[in-house]
Amino acid sequence: MLDDVSRFEIRAWVPGKGWTRLPARSKVRASGLEISLARVTRNGVERYRRVVALQ
């Protein structure tokens, strides 16, 4: 587990709409996922982001 996480979000890339927060309803299937989080350290806020293509 990662300590001191202050924010966690997953969004879907929906063609024609862009990034959409989940859960979301769409007739078009998402083609990607974005996983992002922020954590507080003694050096300040660290942000992490990963985008995964869906097939």
PDB file of N, CA and C in Angstrom:
ATOM      1  N   MET A   1       0.834  -1.177   0.000  1.00  0.00           N
ATOM      2  CA  MET A   1       0.000   0.000   0.000  1.00  0.00           C
ATOM      3  C   MET A   1       0.881   1.243   0.000  1.00  0.00           C
ATOM      4  N   LEU A   2       0.391   2.273  -0.612  1.00  0.00           N
ATOM      5  CA  LEU A   2       1.083   3.554  -0.685  1.00  0.00           C
ATOM      6  C   LEU A   2       0.534   4.467   0.404  1.00  0.00           C
ATOM      7  N   ASP A   3       1.415   4.979   1.227  1.00  0.00           N
ATOM      8  CA  ASP A   3       1.005   5.841   2.337  1.00  0.00           C
ATOM      9  C   ASP A   3       0.720   7.272   1.875  1.00  0.00           C
ATOM     10  N   ASP A   4      -0.084   7.964   2.661  1.00  0.00           N
ATOM     11  CA  ASP A   4      -0.341   9.402   2.519  1.00  0.00           C
ATOM     12  C   ASP A   4      -0.963   9.806   1.182  1.00  0.00           C
ATOM     13  N   VAL A   5      -1.798   8.943   0.614  1.00  0.00           N
ATOM     14  CA  VAL A   5      -2.496   9.282  -0.629  1.00  0.00           C
ATOM     15  C   VAL A   5      -3.608  10.277  -0.302  1.00  0.00           C
ATOM     16  N   SER A   6      -3.595  11.417  -0.993  1.00  0.00           N
ATOM     17  CA  SER A   6      -4.594  12.455  -0.729  1.00  0.00           C
ATOM     18  C   SER A   6      -5.659  12.540  -1.824  1.00  0.00           C
ATOM     19  N   ARG A   7      -5.390  11.906  -2.975  1.00  0.00           N
ATOM     20  CA  ARG A   7      -6.354  11.938  -4.078  1.00  0.00           C
ATOM     21  C   ARG A   7      -6.152  10.707  -4.944  1.00  0.00           C
ATOM     22  N   PHE A   8      -7.246  10.090  -5.395  1.00  0.00           N
ATOM     23  CA  PHE A   8      -7.204   8.938  -6.288  1.00  0.00           C
ATOM     24  C   PHE A   8      -8.365   9.069  -7.261  1.00  0.00           C
ATOM     25  N   GLU A   9      -8.087   8.906  -8.550  1.00  0.00           N
ATOM     26  CA  GLU A   9      -9.140   9.074  -9.551  1.00  0.00           C
ATOM     27  C   GLU A   9      -8.885   8.152 -10.736  1.00  0.00           C
ATOM     28  N   ILE A  10      -9.959   7.593 -11.276  1.00  0.00           N
ATOM     29  CA  ILE A  10      -9.888   6.814 -12.511  1.00  0.00           C
ATOM     30  C   ILE A  10     -10.868   7.441 -13.492  1.00  0.00           C
ATOM     31  N   ARG A  11     -10.370   7.709 -14.708  1.00  0.00           N
ATOM     32  CA  ARG A  11     -11.224   8.256 -15.761  1.00  0.00           C
ATOM     33  C   ARG A  11     -11.088   7.384 -17.006  1.00  0.00           C
ATOM     34  N   ALA A  12     -12.106   7.436 -17.852  1.00  0.00           N
ATOM     35  CA  ALA A  12     -12.106   6.688 -19.108  1.00  0.00           C
ATOM     36  C   ALA A  12     -12.020   7.659 -20.279  1.00  0.00           C
ATOM     37  N   TRP A  13     -11.260   7.269 -21.307  1.00  0.00           N
ATOM     38  CA  TRP A  13     -11.217   8.049 -22.543  1.00  0.00           C
ATOM     39  C   TRP A  13     -12.310   7.510 -23.461  1.00  0.00           C
ATOM     40  N   VAL A  14     -13.291   8.360 -23.736  1.00  0.00           N
ATOM     41  CA  VAL A  14     -14.400   7.985 -24.606  1.00  0.00           C
ATOM     42  C   VAL A  14     -14.235   8.771 -25.901  1.00  0.00           C
ATOM     43  N   PRO A  15     -14.017   8.074 -27.026  1.00  0.00           N
ATOM     44  CA  PRO A  15     -13.854   8.777 -28.298  1.00  0.00           C
ATOM     45  C   PRO A  15     -15.027   9.724 -28.567  1.00  0.00           C
ATOM     46  N   GLY A  16     -14.701  10.946 -28.934  1.00  0.00           N
ATOM     47  CA  GLY A  16     -15.717  11.957 -29.204  1.00  0.00           C
ATOM     48  C   GLY A  16     -16.134  12.754 -27.981  1.00  0.00           C
ATOM     49  N   LYS A  17     -15.799  12.265 -26.775  1.00  0.00           N
ATOM     50  CA  LYS A  17     -16.147  12.962 -25.535  1.00  0.00           C
ATOM     51  C   LYS A  17     -14.924  13.357 -24.723  1.00  0.00           C
ATOM     52  N   GLY A  18     -13.842  12.604 -24.840  1.00  0.00           N
ATOM     53  CA  GLY A  18     -12.642  12.886 -24.050  1.00  0.00           C
ATOM     54  C   GLY A  18     -12.661  12.152 -22.722  1.00  0.00           C
ATOM     55  N   TRP A  19     -11.922  12.703 -21.734  1.00  0.00           N
ATOM     56  CA  TRP A  19     -11.829  12.065 -20.421  1.00  0.00           C
ATOM     57  C   TRP A  19     -13.141  12.212 -19.669  1.00  0.00           C
ATOM     58  N   THR A  20     -13.631  11.090 -19.133  1.00  0.00           N
ATOM     59  CA  THR A  20     -14.904  11.041 -18.426  1.00  0.00           C
ATOM     60  C   THR A  20     -14.706  10.338 -17.095  1.00  0.00           C
ATOM     61  N   ARG A  21     -15.225  10.934 -16.026  1.00  0.00           N
ATOM     62  CA  ARG A  21     -15.137  10.288 -14.712  1.00  0.00           C
ATOM     63  C   ARG A  21     -16.005   9.042 -14.682  1.00  0.00           C
ATOM     64  N   LEU A  22     -15.550   8.067 -13.947  1.00  0.00           N
ATOM     65  CA  LEU A  22     -16.306   6.816 -13.801  1.00  0.00           C
ATOM     66  C   LEU A  22     -17.102   6.827 -12.515  1.00  0.00           C
ATOM     67  N   PRO A  23     -18.221   6.146 -12.446  1.00  0.00           N
ATOM     68  CA  PRO A  23     -18.866   5.424 -13.542  1.00  0.00           C
ATOM     69  C   PRO A  23     -19.554   6.388 -14.502  1.00  0.00           C
ATOM     70  N   ALA A  24     -19.601   6.016 -15.755  1.00  0.00           N
ATOM     71  CA  ALA A  24     -20.230   6.856 -16.778  1.00  0.00           C
ATOM     72  C   ALA A  24     -20.982   5.961 -17.755  1.00  0.00           C
ATOM     73  N   ARG A  25     -22.045   6.493 -18.293  1.00  0.00           N
ATOM     74  CA  ARG A  25     -22.810   5.753 -19.304  1.00  0.00           C
ATOM     75  C   ARG A  25     -22.489   6.355 -20.667  1.00  0.00           C
ATOM     76  N   SER A  26     -22.203   5.474 -21.600  1.00  0.00           N
ATOM     77  CA  SER A  26     -21.914   5.933 -22.949  1.00  0.00           C
ATOM     78  C   SER A  26     -22.231   4.810 -23.925  1.00  0.00           C
ATOM     79  N   LYS A  27     -22.700   5.187 -25.092  1.00  0.00           N
ATOM     80  CA  LYS A  27     -22.948   4.188 -26.130  1.00  0.00           C
ATOM     81  C   LYS A  27     -21.648   3.783 -26.810  1.00  0.00           C
ATOM     82  N   VAL A  28     -20.619   4.615 -26.665  1.00  0.00           N
ATOM     83  CA  VAL A  28     -19.316   4.349 -27.257  1.00  0.00           C
ATOM     84  C   VAL A  28     -18.413   3.738 -26.190  1.00  0.00           C
ATOM     85  N   ARG A  29     -17.722   2.684 -26.550  1.00  0.00           N
ATOM     86  CA  ARG A  29     -16.829   2.002 -25.616  1.00  0.00           C
ATOM     87  C   ARG A  29     -15.570   2.835 -25.367  1.00  0.00           C
ATOM     88  N   ALA A  30     -15.138   2.879 -24.122  1.00  0.00           N
ATOM     89  CA  ALA A  30     -13.918   3.609 -23.764  1.00  0.00           C
ATOM     90  C   ALA A  30     -12.714   2.951 -24.431  1.00  0.00           C
ATOM     91  N   SER A  31     -11.755   3.769 -24.872  1.00  0.00           N
ATOM     92  CA  SER A  31     -10.554   3.231 -25.512  1.00  0.00           C
ATOM     93  C   SER A  31      -9.315   3.395 -24.642  1.00  0.00           C
ATOM     94  N   GLY A  32      -9.475   3.968 -23.439  1.00  0.00           N
ATOM     95  CA  GLY A  32      -8.338   4.116 -22.538  1.00  0.00           C
ATOM     96  C   GLY A  32      -8.783   4.414 -21.121  1.00  0.00           C
ATOM     97  N   LEU A  33      -7.884   4.160 -20.176  1.00  0.00           N
ATOM     98  CA  LEU A  33      -8.108   4.485 -18.769  1.00  0.00           C
ATOM     99  C   LEU A  33      -6.963   5.340 -18.266  1.00  0.00           C
ATOM    100  N   GLU A  34      -7.280   6.312 -17.447  1.00  0.00           N
ATOM    101  CA  GLU A  34      -6.277   7.143 -16.785  1.00  0.00           C
ATOM    102  C   GLU A  34      -6.406   6.912 -15.277  1.00  0.00           C
ATOM    103  N   ILE A  35      -5.315   6.513 -14.659  1.00  0.00           N
ATOM    104  CA  ILE A  35      -5.271   6.316 -13.213  1.00  0.00           C
ATOM    105  C   ILE A  35      -4.348   7.397 -12.667  1.00  0.00           C
ATOM    106  N   SER A  36      -4.867   8.222 -11.764  1.00  0.00           N
ATOM    107  CA  SER A  36      -4.039   9.294 -11.204  1.00  0.00           C
ATOM    108  C   SER A  36      -4.213   9.343  -9.696  1.00  0.00           C
ATOM    109  N   LEU A  37      -3.142   9.739  -9.038  1.00  0.00           N
ATOM    110  CA  LEU A  37      -3.194   9.898  -7.588  1.00  0.00           C
ATOM    111  C   LEU A  37      -2.201  10.955  -7.162  1.00  0.00           C
ATOM    112  N   ALA A  38      -2.419  11.468  -5.976  1.00  0.00           N
ATOM    113  CA  ALA A  38      -1.512  12.447  -5.372  1.00  0.00           C
ATOM    114  C   ALA A  38      -1.237  11.988  -3.954  1.00  0.00           C
ATOM    115  N   ARG A  39      -0.022  12.212  -3.509  1.00  0.00           N
ATOM    116  CA  ARG A  39       0.323  11.888  -2.127  1.00  0.00           C
ATOM    117  C   ARG A  39       1.154  13.016  -1.548  1.00  0.00           C
ATOM    118  N   VAL A  40       1.014  13.204  -0.262  1.00  0.00           N
ATOM    119  CA  VAL A  40       1.712  14.272   0.446  1.00  0.00           C
ATOM    120  C   VAL A  40       2.974  13.694   1.062  1.00  0.00           C
ATOM    121  N   THR A  41       4.108  14.344   0.761  1.00  0.00           N
ATOM    122  CA  THR A  41       5.385  13.952   1.350  1.00  0.00           C
ATOM    123  C   THR A  41       5.989  15.173   2.034  1.00  0.00           C
ATOM    124  N   ARG A  42       7.099  14.979   2.686  1.00  0.00           N
ATOM    125  CA  ARG A  42       7.735  16.142   3.336  1.00  0.00           C
ATOM    126  C   ARG A  42       8.279  17.137   2.307  1.00  0.00           C
ATOM    127  N   ASN A  43       8.405  16.702   1.050  1.00  0.00           N
ATOM    128  CA  ASN A  43       8.856  17.594  -0.022  1.00  0.00           C
ATOM    129  C   ASN A  43       7.701  18.257  -0.761  1.00  0.00           C
ATOM    130  N   GLY A  44       6.482  17.981  -0.338  1.00  0.00           N
ATOM    131  CA  GLY A  44       5.310  18.552  -0.996  1.00  0.00           C
ATOM    132  C   GLY A  44       4.433  17.467  -1.578  1.00  0.00           C
ATOM    133  N   VAL A  45       3.604  17.843  -2.535  1.00  0.00           N
ATOM    134  CA  VAL A  45       2.668  16.900  -3.151  1.00  0.00           C
ATOM    135  C   VAL A  45       3.332  16.249  -4.357  1.00  0.00           C
ATOM    136  N   GLU A  46       3.287  14.918  -4.410  1.00  0.00           N
ATOM    137  CA  GLU A  46       3.770  14.162  -5.568  1.00  0.00           C
ATOM    138  C   GLU A  46       2.554  13.664  -6.330  1.00  0.00           C
ATOM    139  N   ARG A  47       2.580  13.839  -7.643  1.00  0.00           N
ATOM    140  CA  ARG A  47       1.460  13.396  -8.476  1.00  0.00           C
ATOM    141  C   ARG A  47       1.935  12.280  -9.405  1.00  0.00           C
ATOM    142  N   TYR A  48       1.098  11.270  -9.543  1.00  0.00           N
ATOM    143  CA  TYR A  48       1.380  10.143 -10.418  1.00  0.00           C
ATOM    144  C   TYR A  48       0.218   9.984 -11.386  1.00  0.00           C
ATOM    145  N   ARG A  49       0.540   9.625 -12.633  1.00  0.00           N
ATOM    146  CA  ARG A  49      -0.501   9.438 -13.639  1.00  0.00           C
ATOM    147  C   ARG A  49      -0.063   8.332 -14.583  1.00  0.00           C
ATOM    148  N   ARG A  50      -0.987   7.436 -14.891  1.00  0.00           N
ATOM    149  CA  ARG A  50      -0.711   6.356 -15.840  1.00  0.00           C
ATOM    150  C   ARG A  50      -1.910   6.234 -16.768  1.00  0.00           C
ATOM    151  N   VAL A  51      -1.635   6.158 -18.070  1.00  0.00           N
ATOM    152  CA  VAL A  51      -2.686   5.982 -19.061  1.00  0.00           C
ATOM    153  C   VAL A  51      -2.498   4.609 -19.697  1.00  0.00           C
ATOM    154  N   VAL A  52      -3.591   3.861 -19.772  1.00  0.00           N
ATOM    155  CA  VAL A  52      -3.565   2.508 -20.320  1.00  0.00           C
ATOM    156  C   VAL A  52      -4.540   2.441 -21.490  1.00  0.00           C
ATOM    157  N   ALA A  53      -4.043   1.987 -22.645  1.00  0.00           N
ATOM    158  CA  ALA A  53      -4.916   1.820 -23.808  1.00  0.00           C
ATOM    159  C   ALA A  53      -5.723   0.536 -23.658  1.00  0.00           C
ATOM    160  N   LEU A  54      -6.997   0.606 -24.004  1.00  0.00           N
ATOM    161  CA  LEU A  54      -7.870  -0.568 -23.975  1.00  0.00           C
ATOM    162  C   LEU A  54      -8.104  -1.040 -25.403  1.00  0.00           C
ATOM    163  N   GLN A  55      -8.142  -2.325 -25.572  1.00  0.00           N
ATOM    164  CA  GLN A  55      -8.366  -2.873 -26.918  1.00  0.00           C
ATOM    165  C   GLN A  55      -9.686  -3.571 -27.001  1.00  0.00           C
TER     166      GLN A  55
END
